[in-house]
N, C-alpha and C. Protein backbone atom coordinates (compact mmCIF):
# COMPACT_ATOMS: atom_id res chain seq x y z
N MET A 1 90.42 50.86 -31.84
CA MET A 1 90.92 51.93 -32.87
C MET A 1 90.59 50.83 -33.80
N PHE A 2 91.51 49.90 -34.04
CA PHE A 2 91.57 48.44 -34.86
C PHE A 2 90.62 47.48 -34.48
N GLY A 3 90.69 47.60 -33.22
CA GLY A 3 89.95 45.99 -33.04
C GLY A 3 90.82 44.92 -32.64
N MET A 4 91.72 45.36 -32.09
CA MET A 4 92.76 44.48 -31.64
C MET A 4 92.19 44.47 -30.02
N PHE A 5 92.92 43.73 -28.98
CA PHE A 5 92.10 43.55 -27.79
C PHE A 5 93.57 44.37 -26.88
N THR A 6 94.77 44.29 -27.35
CA THR A 6 94.81 45.67 -26.43
C THR A 6 95.26 46.80 -27.00
N ASN A 7 96.34 47.85 -26.30
CA ASN A 7 96.44 48.79 -26.50
C ASN A 7 97.67 48.77 -27.80
N GLU A 8 98.74 47.27 -26.82
CA GLU A 8 100.04 47.33 -27.50
C GLU A 8 99.58 46.41 -29.15
N GLY A 9 98.58 45.49 -29.16
CA GLY A 9 98.28 45.26 -30.80
C GLY A 9 97.47 46.21 -31.26
N ASN A 10 96.90 47.77 -30.97
CA ASN A 10 96.14 48.21 -31.69
C ASN A 10 98.34 49.29 -32.47
N ALA A 11 98.91 49.34 -31.10
CA ALA A 11 99.69 50.20 -31.33
C ALA A 11 100.58 49.45 -33.08
N LYS A 12 100.36 47.94 -32.60
CA LYS A 12 101.11 46.94 -33.86
C LYS A 12 100.34 47.47 -34.59
N VAL A 13 99.62 47.22 -35.09
CA VAL A 13 98.85 47.34 -36.27
C VAL A 13 98.44 48.79 -36.56
N GLU A 14 98.99 49.98 -36.11
CA GLU A 14 98.91 50.98 -36.18
C GLU A 14 99.74 51.13 -36.97
N LYS A 15 101.01 51.05 -36.74
CA LYS A 15 102.30 50.70 -37.42
C LYS A 15 102.34 49.86 -38.72
N ILE A 16 101.69 49.07 -38.75
CA ILE A 16 101.43 48.26 -40.00
C ILE A 16 100.62 49.29 -41.30
N VAL A 17 99.61 49.60 -40.28
CA VAL A 17 98.78 50.67 -41.71
C VAL A 17 99.88 51.65 -42.26
N ALA A 18 100.54 52.66 -41.25
CA ALA A 18 101.20 53.37 -42.00
C ALA A 18 102.47 53.27 -42.69
N ASP A 19 102.78 51.82 -42.40
CA ASP A 19 103.85 51.62 -43.27
C ASP A 19 103.37 51.47 -44.55
N ALA A 20 102.14 50.63 -44.44
CA ALA A 20 101.11 49.98 -45.81
C ALA A 20 100.90 51.57 -46.70
N LEU A 21 100.38 52.64 -45.74
CA LEU A 21 99.99 53.90 -47.03
C LEU A 21 100.97 54.89 -47.28
N ASN A 22 102.26 53.98 -46.89
CA ASN A 22 103.73 54.88 -47.08
C ASN A 22 104.17 54.26 -48.42
N LEU A 23 103.76 52.78 -48.44
CA LEU A 23 103.94 52.09 -50.05
C LEU A 23 102.95 52.92 -50.98
N LYS A 24 101.30 52.94 -50.60
CA LYS A 24 100.90 53.58 -51.40
C LYS A 24 101.81 55.00 -51.89
N ASN A 25 101.63 55.72 -50.90
CA ASN A 25 102.05 57.20 -50.88
C ASN A 25 103.32 56.84 -52.08
N MET A 26 104.29 56.16 -52.28
CA MET A 26 105.49 55.87 -53.16
C MET A 26 105.00 55.42 -54.32
N GLY A 27 103.82 55.04 -54.60
CA GLY A 27 103.19 54.70 -55.84
C GLY A 27 103.61 53.00 -56.06
N TYR A 28 103.05 52.21 -55.15
CA TYR A 28 102.98 51.19 -55.10
C TYR A 28 101.72 50.97 -55.39
N GLY A 29 100.42 51.46 -55.37
CA GLY A 29 98.99 51.61 -55.32
C GLY A 29 98.51 50.57 -54.30
N ALA A 30 96.83 50.98 -54.05
CA ALA A 30 96.37 50.57 -52.97
C ALA A 30 96.48 49.09 -53.01
N GLU A 31 96.03 48.64 -54.15
CA GLU A 31 96.19 47.03 -53.98
C GLU A 31 97.56 46.15 -53.61
N SER A 32 98.28 46.98 -53.90
CA SER A 32 99.65 46.32 -53.28
C SER A 32 99.78 46.68 -51.97
N ALA A 33 99.39 47.57 -51.37
CA ALA A 33 99.92 48.19 -50.15
C ALA A 33 98.84 47.32 -49.14
N TRP A 34 97.59 47.37 -49.91
CA TRP A 34 96.40 46.13 -49.27
C TRP A 34 96.85 44.74 -48.75
N ASN A 35 97.71 44.29 -49.86
CA ASN A 35 98.52 42.79 -50.17
C ASN A 35 99.54 42.86 -48.94
N TRP A 36 100.32 43.93 -49.02
CA TRP A 36 101.36 43.70 -47.76
C TRP A 36 101.01 44.05 -46.39
N ALA A 37 99.96 44.82 -46.27
CA ALA A 37 99.24 44.88 -44.82
C ALA A 37 98.50 43.67 -44.38
N LEU A 38 97.88 42.68 -45.37
CA LEU A 38 97.55 41.65 -45.13
C LEU A 38 98.62 40.67 -44.66
N ASN A 39 99.42 40.82 -45.19
CA ASN A 39 100.98 39.64 -44.97
C ASN A 39 101.25 40.44 -43.62
N ALA A 40 101.31 41.30 -43.45
CA ALA A 40 102.34 41.99 -42.05
C ALA A 40 100.90 41.38 -40.79
N LEU A 41 99.42 41.66 -41.38
CA LEU A 41 98.71 40.70 -39.74
C LEU A 41 98.94 39.02 -40.10
N SER A 42 99.01 38.86 -40.95
CA SER A 42 99.29 37.30 -40.35
C SER A 42 100.19 37.53 -39.58
N MET A 43 101.41 38.20 -40.32
CA MET A 43 102.89 37.80 -39.51
C MET A 43 102.30 37.84 -37.57
N LEU A 44 101.82 38.95 -38.00
CA LEU A 44 101.46 39.65 -36.68
C LEU A 44 100.26 38.66 -35.37
N ALA A 45 99.58 37.78 -35.93
CA ALA A 45 98.10 36.98 -36.00
C ALA A 45 99.82 35.86 -35.55
N ALA A 46 100.76 35.79 -35.81
CA ALA A 46 101.19 34.22 -35.56
C ALA A 46 102.12 34.54 -34.25
N LEU A 47 102.43 35.39 -33.86
CA LEU A 47 103.04 35.99 -32.41
C LEU A 47 101.97 35.98 -31.49
N GLU A 48 102.25 35.20 -30.32
CA GLU A 48 101.63 34.70 -28.93
C GLU A 48 100.58 36.44 -28.63
N GLY A 49 99.80 35.76 -28.03
CA GLY A 49 98.97 37.25 -28.10
C GLY A 49 97.69 38.24 -29.02
N PHE A 50 98.62 38.00 -30.12
CA PHE A 50 97.82 38.34 -31.06
C PHE A 50 97.14 37.82 -31.88
N ASP A 51 96.49 36.75 -31.89
CA ASP A 51 95.85 36.05 -32.94
C ASP A 51 94.83 36.90 -33.65
N GLU A 52 94.02 37.80 -32.72
CA GLU A 52 92.89 38.57 -33.30
C GLU A 52 93.46 39.31 -34.35
N ALA A 53 94.72 39.16 -35.08
CA ALA A 53 95.09 40.49 -35.90
C ALA A 53 94.41 40.09 -36.98
N GLU A 54 94.18 38.86 -37.34
CA GLU A 54 93.37 38.10 -38.44
C GLU A 54 91.64 37.99 -38.33
N ASP A 55 91.28 38.70 -37.28
CA ASP A 55 89.86 38.37 -37.38
C ASP A 55 89.44 39.87 -38.62
N THR A 56 88.21 39.20 -38.92
CA THR A 56 87.17 40.08 -40.13
C THR A 56 87.37 41.66 -39.40
N ALA A 57 87.13 41.83 -38.24
CA ALA A 57 87.21 43.34 -37.89
C ALA A 57 87.93 44.34 -38.06
N VAL A 58 89.29 43.70 -37.61
CA VAL A 58 90.97 44.21 -37.60
C VAL A 58 90.75 44.70 -39.05
N ARG A 59 91.09 43.44 -39.90
CA ARG A 59 91.32 43.23 -41.71
C ARG A 59 90.32 44.57 -41.98
N GLU A 60 89.18 44.55 -42.04
CA GLU A 60 88.12 45.63 -42.42
C GLU A 60 88.78 47.35 -41.96
N ALA A 61 89.31 47.38 -40.89
CA ALA A 61 89.49 48.29 -40.34
C ALA A 61 90.80 48.93 -40.96
N VAL A 62 91.86 47.83 -40.99
CA VAL A 62 93.05 48.28 -41.44
C VAL A 62 93.04 48.46 -43.30
N TYR A 63 91.82 47.60 -44.18
CA TYR A 63 91.01 47.97 -45.50
C TYR A 63 90.75 49.14 -45.40
N ASP A 64 89.87 49.74 -44.36
CA ASP A 64 89.56 51.41 -44.58
C ASP A 64 90.74 52.29 -44.59
N ALA A 65 91.38 51.88 -43.57
CA ALA A 65 92.03 52.83 -43.35
C ALA A 65 93.74 52.62 -44.72
N VAL A 66 93.46 51.58 -44.77
CA VAL A 66 94.72 52.09 -46.19
C VAL A 66 94.22 52.27 -48.28
N VAL A 67 93.14 51.31 -47.83
CA VAL A 67 92.67 51.13 -49.38
C VAL A 67 91.52 52.60 -49.37
N CYS A 68 90.64 52.90 -48.63
CA CYS A 68 89.67 54.05 -48.34
C CYS A 68 90.18 55.50 -48.09
N GLY A 69 90.94 55.12 -46.83
CA GLY A 69 91.52 56.23 -46.18
C GLY A 69 93.00 57.20 -47.21
């Protein structure tokens, strides 16, 4: 779904996307929502077992969902 290696990882990224979309819909704009999502992905990548959260494929999928979606 988002390019993570596990279903758990994809679920965590799906939550990040949902929260970022909520920010966007609340009027924070696409750029602010994207920046928030990038920070959230970085924090997720810092957790053991989720290193790929900062991979290009994951970031592109999140960008598409948050900014383009």
